[in-house]
Amino acid sequence: MSSPNEITVTTFTDLLNANDGLISLREAILAPLDGIREKAIFLGEGTYTLSLDGTESPETRDFDIHSSMTIVGLGASRTIIDGKQLDRIFEVFPHASLTLSNLTITNGRAVDKGGAIYSQGTIHLTQTVLHNNSANFGGAIFNDQNAIATIAGSVFSNNGVYGKHGAGGNNGSHGLREITFRT
């Protein structure tokens, strides 16, 4: 039996409907925490696509991270989160923490910072591919001042800052190990 803080996503569709019997990635991210422990979200094989457009809010556009959570896929070639160029994919707020493991983050696009991830908190990436993301600053990741990023065994490929190649922007601290950059 899983803990209340362990959530398995059951649909690839980006939706908010508490009565449909499905759990979307957005619903899992927005689900309240039981106690002070970190939330763990498990994704299956397939592509999870951002599609809720509208005014910027937790219910639309990018995934807003306000607490500590881990999102785990089945491997970078098997589990994909696709921003469809709608917005950046994750925004990590101050005092929040996001761990991504065994997945691909692709097609994020921001007019300002972080095409895939804009972090003002803490991010940890392992065995994660960031592909085809773009922004004005930090094509894949923008790590804001006082933010922390730890990245290991991951690949940055075909990310860009407008008019240039760009893996990430960094104003905070970072630890990088076994990273591959490809254009």
C-alpha atoms as a PDB file:
ATOM      1  CA  MET A   1       0.000   0.000   0.000  1.00  0.00           C
ATOM      2  CA  SER A   2       1.376   3.402  -0.933  1.00  0.00           C
ATOM      3  CA  SER A   3       1.535   6.388   1.378  1.00  0.00           C
ATOM      4  CA  PRO A   4      -0.820   9.356   0.817  1.00  0.00           C
ATOM      5  CA  ASN A   5       2.228  11.295  -0.422  1.00  0.00           C
ATOM      6  CA  GLU A   6       2.911   8.742  -3.199  1.00  0.00           C
ATOM      7  CA  ILE A   7       0.818   9.432  -6.277  1.00  0.00           C
ATOM      8  CA  THR A   8       0.710   7.454  -9.514  1.00  0.00           C
ATOM      9  CA  VAL A   9      -0.463   9.506 -12.488  1.00  0.00           C
ATOM     10  CA  THR A  10      -3.129   7.646 -14.489  1.00  0.00           C
ATOM     11  CA  THR A  11      -3.704   9.875 -17.542  1.00  0.00           C
ATOM     12  CA  PHE A  12      -1.467  11.619 -20.067  1.00  0.00           C
ATOM     13  CA  THR A  13      -4.023  14.435 -20.439  1.00  0.00           C
ATOM     14  CA  ASP A  14      -3.425  17.776 -18.695  1.00  0.00           C
ATOM     15  CA  LEU A  15      -6.694  18.190 -16.825  1.00  0.00           C
ATOM     16  CA  LEU A  16      -8.277  19.236 -13.535  1.00  0.00           C
ATOM     17  CA  ASN A  17     -11.370  17.184 -12.752  1.00  0.00           C
ATOM     18  CA  ALA A  18     -11.631  15.652  -9.283  1.00  0.00           C
ATOM     19  CA  ASN A  19     -14.672  13.592 -10.306  1.00  0.00           C
ATOM     20  CA  ASP A  20     -13.354  11.749 -13.376  1.00  0.00           C
ATOM     21  CA  GLY A  21     -11.507   8.949 -11.548  1.00  0.00           C
ATOM     22  CA  LEU A  22      -8.217   9.889 -13.239  1.00  0.00           C
ATOM     23  CA  ILE A  23      -5.104  11.558 -11.830  1.00  0.00           C
ATOM     24  CA  SER A  24      -3.256  13.939 -14.144  1.00  0.00           C
ATOM     25  CA  LEU A  25       0.284  15.188 -13.565  1.00  0.00           C
ATOM     26  CA  ARG A  26      -1.153  18.641 -12.760  1.00  0.00           C
ATOM     27  CA  GLU A  27      -3.581  17.148 -10.222  1.00  0.00           C
ATOM     28  CA  ALA A  28      -0.748  15.162  -8.611  1.00  0.00           C
ATOM     29  CA  ILE A  29       1.401  18.302  -8.325  1.00  0.00           C
ATOM     30  CA  LEU A  30      -1.481  20.298  -6.825  1.00  0.00           C
ATOM     31  CA  ALA A  31      -2.575  17.532  -4.398  1.00  0.00           C
ATOM     32  CA  PRO A  32      -2.090  18.561  -0.770  1.00  0.00           C
ATOM     33  CA  LEU A  33       0.690  16.974   1.261  1.00  0.00           C
ATOM     34  CA  ASP A  34      -0.135  14.661   4.148  1.00  0.00           C
ATOM     35  CA  GLY A  35       2.152  15.949   6.900  1.00  0.00           C
ATOM     36  CA  ILE A  36       5.599  17.394   6.226  1.00  0.00           C
ATOM     37  CA  ARG A  37       7.064  14.649   4.068  1.00  0.00           C
ATOM     38  CA  GLU A  38       7.993  15.068   0.429  1.00  0.00           C
ATOM     39  CA  LYS A  39       5.478  14.120  -2.245  1.00  0.00           C
ATOM     40  CA  ALA A  40       6.518  11.392  -4.729  1.00  0.00           C
ATOM     41  CA  ILE A  41       4.831  11.315  -8.152  1.00  0.00           C
ATOM     42  CA  PHE A  42       5.257   8.299 -10.426  1.00  0.00           C
ATOM     43  CA  LEU A  43       4.796   8.487 -14.196  1.00  0.00           C
ATOM     44  CA  GLY A  44       4.323   5.573 -16.562  1.00  0.00           C
ATOM     45  CA  GLU A  45       5.516   5.115 -20.120  1.00  0.00           C
ATOM     46  CA  GLY A  46       4.228   7.751 -22.529  1.00  0.00           C
ATOM     47  CA  THR A  47       4.029  11.494 -23.157  1.00  0.00           C
ATOM     48  CA  TYR A  48       2.458  13.894 -20.659  1.00  0.00           C
ATOM     49  CA  THR A  49       1.550  17.115 -22.481  1.00  0.00           C
ATOM     50  CA  LEU A  50       0.860  20.614 -21.132  1.00  0.00           C
ATOM     51  CA  SER A  51      -2.358  21.883 -22.671  1.00  0.00           C
ATOM     52  CA  LEU A  52      -4.215  24.084 -20.188  1.00  0.00           C
ATOM     53  CA  ASP A  53      -3.695  27.574 -21.577  1.00  0.00           C
ATOM     54  CA  GLY A  54      -4.994  30.763 -20.003  1.00  0.00           C
ATOM     55  CA  THR A  55      -3.940  33.328 -17.437  1.00  0.00           C
ATOM     56  CA  GLU A  56      -0.853  32.269 -15.467  1.00  0.00           C
ATOM     57  CA  SER A  57      -1.979  30.297 -12.374  1.00  0.00           C
ATOM     58  CA  PRO A  58      -1.304  26.882 -10.777  1.00  0.00           C
ATOM     59  CA  GLU A  59      -4.287  25.521 -12.731  1.00  0.00           C
ATOM     60  CA  THR A  60      -2.979  26.584 -16.150  1.00  0.00           C
ATOM     61  CA  ARG A  61       0.180  26.880 -18.226  1.00  0.00           C
ATOM     62  CA  ASP A  62       3.378  25.685 -16.438  1.00  0.00           C
ATOM     63  CA  PHE A  63       3.509  23.415 -13.386  1.00  0.00           C
ATOM     64  CA  ASP A  64       4.027  25.553 -10.265  1.00  0.00           C
ATOM     65  CA  ILE A  65       6.069  23.846  -7.545  1.00  0.00           C
ATOM     66  CA  HIS A  66       5.399  25.275  -4.062  1.00  0.00           C
ATOM     67  CA  SER A  67       6.464  22.313  -1.892  1.00  0.00           C
ATOM     68  CA  SER A  68       8.991  19.475  -1.963  1.00  0.00           C
ATOM     69  CA  MET A  69       8.333  16.760  -4.515  1.00  0.00           C
ATOM     70  CA  THR A  70       9.970  14.105  -6.633  1.00  0.00           C
ATOM     71  CA  ILE A  71       8.734  13.127 -10.101  1.00  0.00           C
ATOM     72  CA  VAL A  72      10.003   9.779 -11.375  1.00  0.00           C
ATOM     73  CA  GLY A  73       9.619   8.300 -14.845  1.00  0.00           C
ATOM     74  CA  LEU A  74      10.518   4.908 -16.332  1.00  0.00           C
ATOM     75  CA  GLY A  75      13.502   6.230 -18.314  1.00  0.00           C
ATOM     76  CA  ALA A  76      14.270   9.226 -20.494  1.00  0.00           C
ATOM     77  CA  SER A  77      13.291   7.401 -23.689  1.00  0.00           C
ATOM     78  CA  ARG A  78      10.050   6.090 -22.145  1.00  0.00           C
ATOM     79  CA  THR A  79       8.609   8.954 -20.056  1.00  0.00           C
ATOM     80  CA  ILE A  80       8.313  12.422 -21.612  1.00  0.00           C
ATOM     81  CA  ILE A  81       6.847  15.691 -20.353  1.00  0.00           C
ATOM     82  CA  ASP A  82       6.104  17.886 -23.386  1.00  0.00           C
ATOM     83  CA  GLY A  83       5.453  21.618 -22.968  1.00  0.00           C
ATOM     84  CA  LYS A  84       4.213  21.928 -26.580  1.00  0.00           C
ATOM     85  CA  GLN A  85       5.826  25.417 -26.604  1.00  0.00           C
ATOM     86  CA  LEU A  86       2.872  26.601 -24.447  1.00  0.00           C
ATOM     87  CA  ASP A  87       5.049  27.853 -21.584  1.00  0.00           C
ATOM     88  CA  ARG A  88       8.038  26.774 -19.511  1.00  0.00           C
ATOM     89  CA  ILE A  89       7.324  23.386 -17.954  1.00  0.00           C
ATOM     90  CA  PHE A  90       8.233  23.840 -14.275  1.00  0.00           C
ATOM     91  CA  GLU A  91       8.491  26.926 -12.067  1.00  0.00           C
ATOM     92  CA  VAL A  92      10.050  26.145  -8.686  1.00  0.00           C
ATOM     93  CA  PHE A  93       9.215  28.782  -6.086  1.00  0.00           C
ATOM     94  CA  PRO A  94      11.433  29.868  -3.151  1.00  0.00           C
ATOM     95  CA  HIS A  95      11.717  27.262  -0.364  1.00  0.00           C
ATOM     96  CA  ALA A  96      10.352  24.558  -2.704  1.00  0.00           C
ATOM     97  CA  SER A  97      12.291  21.571  -4.012  1.00  0.00           C
ATOM     98  CA  LEU A  98      11.841  19.551  -7.202  1.00  0.00           C
ATOM     99  CA  THR A  99      13.634  16.300  -7.997  1.00  0.00           C
ATOM    100  CA  LEU A 100      13.274  14.902 -11.532  1.00  0.00           C
ATOM    101  CA  SER A 101      14.509  11.433 -12.396  1.00  0.00           C
ATOM    102  CA  ASN A 102      14.403   9.113 -15.405  1.00  0.00           C
ATOM    103  CA  LEU A 103      12.461  11.272 -17.842  1.00  0.00           C
ATOM    104  CA  THR A 104      12.670  13.757 -20.699  1.00  0.00           C
ATOM    105  CA  ILE A 105      11.555  17.392 -20.462  1.00  0.00           C
ATOM    106  CA  THR A 106      10.957  18.827 -23.938  1.00  0.00           C
ATOM    107  CA  ASN A 107       9.436  21.749 -25.838  1.00  0.00           C
ATOM    108  CA  GLY A 108       9.294  24.223 -22.964  1.00  0.00           C
ATOM    109  CA  ARG A 109       9.296  27.860 -24.005  1.00  0.00           C
ATOM    110  CA  ALA A 110       9.450  30.990 -21.880  1.00  0.00           C
ATOM    111  CA  VAL A 111       9.704  34.602 -22.953  1.00  0.00           C
ATOM    112  CA  ASP A 112      11.861  35.351 -19.934  1.00  0.00           C
ATOM    113  CA  LYS A 113      13.725  32.782 -17.792  1.00  0.00           C
ATOM    114  CA  GLY A 114      14.076  28.997 -18.035  1.00  0.00           C
ATOM    115  CA  GLY A 115      12.488  27.268 -21.016  1.00  0.00           C
ATOM    116  CA  ALA A 116      12.119  23.966 -19.172  1.00  0.00           C
ATOM    117  CA  ILE A 117      12.688  25.018 -15.551  1.00  0.00           C
ATOM    118  CA  TYR A 118      12.820  28.360 -13.779  1.00  0.00           C
ATOM    119  CA  SER A 119      14.035  27.709 -10.245  1.00  0.00           C
ATOM    120  CA  GLN A 120      13.998  30.038  -7.286  1.00  0.00           C
ATOM    121  CA  GLY A 121      14.307  27.043  -4.933  1.00  0.00           C
ATOM    122  CA  THR A 122      16.160  23.740  -5.182  1.00  0.00           C
ATOM    123  CA  ILE A 123      16.258  21.343  -8.119  1.00  0.00           C
ATOM    124  CA  HIS A 124      17.869  17.907  -8.453  1.00  0.00           C
ATOM    125  CA  LEU A 125      18.024  16.164 -11.836  1.00  0.00           C
ATOM    126  CA  THR A 126      19.278  12.612 -12.410  1.00  0.00           C
ATOM    127  CA  GLN A 127      19.084  10.638 -15.638  1.00  0.00           C
ATOM    128  CA  THR A 128      16.981  13.430 -17.145  1.00  0.00           C
ATOM    129  CA  VAL A 129      17.097  14.742 -20.715  1.00  0.00           C
ATOM    130  CA  LEU A 130      16.284  18.408 -21.367  1.00  0.00           C
ATOM    131  CA  HIS A 131      15.623  18.731 -25.100  1.00  0.00           C
ATOM    132  CA  ASN A 132      14.384  21.492 -27.412  1.00  0.00           C
ATOM    133  CA  ASN A 133      13.591  24.083 -24.720  1.00  0.00           C
ATOM    134  CA  SER A 134      14.043  27.839 -25.189  1.00  0.00           C
ATOM    135  CA  ALA A 135      13.908  31.120 -23.284  1.00  0.00           C
ATOM    136  CA  ASN A 136      15.447  34.562 -23.303  1.00  0.00           C
ATOM    137  CA  PHE A 137      17.702  33.504 -20.391  1.00  0.00           C
ATOM    138  CA  GLY A 138      18.564  29.848 -19.644  1.00  0.00           C
ATOM    139  CA  GLY A 139      17.239  27.867 -22.591  1.00  0.00           C
ATOM    140  CA  ALA A 140      16.757  24.731 -20.502  1.00  0.00           C
ATOM    141  CA  ILE A 141      17.177  25.926 -16.900  1.00  0.00           C
ATOM    142  CA  PHE A 142      17.440  29.299 -15.233  1.00  0.00           C
ATOM    143  CA  ASN A 143      18.635  28.934 -11.643  1.00  0.00           C
ATOM    144  CA  ASP A 144      17.862  32.220  -9.875  1.00  0.00           C
ATOM    145  CA  GLN A 145      19.985  33.935  -7.239  1.00  0.00           C
ATOM    146  CA  ASN A 146      20.172  31.838  -4.029  1.00  0.00           C
ATOM    147  CA  ALA A 147      18.669  28.841  -5.849  1.00  0.00           C
ATOM    148  CA  ILE A 148      20.430  25.458  -5.791  1.00  0.00           C
ATOM    149  CA  ALA A 149      20.749  23.006  -8.695  1.00  0.00           C
ATOM    150  CA  THR A 150      22.297  19.539  -8.603  1.00  0.00           C
ATOM    151  CA  ILE A 151      22.453  17.710 -11.929  1.00  0.00           C
ATOM    152  CA  ALA A 152      23.945  14.253 -12.530  1.00  0.00           C
ATOM    153  CA  GLY A 153      23.895  11.794 -15.423  1.00  0.00           C
ATOM    154  CA  SER A 154      21.704  14.072 -17.513  1.00  0.00           C
ATOM    155  CA  VAL A 155      21.716  15.367 -21.095  1.00  0.00           C
ATOM    156  CA  PHE A 156      21.032  18.865 -22.428  1.00  0.00           C
ATOM    157  CA  SER A 157      20.289  18.810 -26.159  1.00  0.00           C
ATOM    158  CA  ASN A 158      19.098  21.385 -28.698  1.00  0.00           C
ATOM    159  CA  ASN A 159      18.120  23.977 -26.061  1.00  0.00           C
ATOM    160  CA  GLY A 160      18.411  27.635 -26.993  1.00  0.00           C
ATOM    161  CA  VAL A 161      18.296  31.162 -25.789  1.00  0.00           C
ATOM    162  CA  TYR A 162      16.738  33.347 -28.430  1.00  0.00           C
ATOM    163  CA  GLY A 163      19.222  33.530 -31.264  1.00  0.00           C
ATOM    164  CA  LYS A 164      21.855  31.407 -29.465  1.00  0.00           C
ATOM    165  CA  HIS A 165      22.453  27.923 -28.080  1.00  0.00           C
ATOM    166  CA  GLY A 166      21.746  27.687 -24.363  1.00  0.00           C
ATOM    167  CA  ALA A 167      21.803  24.875 -21.834  1.00  0.00           C
ATOM    168  CA  GLY A 168      21.093  26.881 -18.718  1.00  0.00           C
ATOM    169  CA  GLY A 169      21.531  30.132 -16.864  1.00  0.00           C
ATOM    170  CA  ASN A 170      22.792  30.196 -13.310  1.00  0.00           C
ATOM    171  CA  ASN A 171      22.859  32.855 -10.619  1.00  0.00           C
ATOM    172  CA  GLY A 172      22.646  30.414  -7.697  1.00  0.00           C
ATOM    173  CA  SER A 173      24.798  27.454  -6.747  1.00  0.00           C
ATOM    174  CA  HIS A 174      25.060  24.231  -8.689  1.00  0.00           C
ATOM    175  CA  GLY A 175      26.669  20.821  -8.660  1.00  0.00           C
ATOM    176  CA  LEU A 176      27.176  19.169 -12.028  1.00  0.00           C
ATOM    177  CA  ARG A 177      28.333  15.590 -12.672  1.00  0.00           C
ATOM    178  CA  GLU A 178      28.360  13.526 -15.865  1.00  0.00           C
ATOM    179  CA  ILE A 179      26.447  16.056 -17.920  1.00  0.00           C
ATOM    180  CA  THR A 180      26.297  15.893 -21.709  1.00  0.00           C
ATOM    181  CA  PHE A 181      25.591  19.030 -23.733  1.00  0.00           C
ATOM    182  CA  ARG A 182      24.527  18.574 -27.386  1.00  0.00           C
ATOM    183  CA  THR A 183      23.499  21.083 -30.017  1.00  0.00           C
END
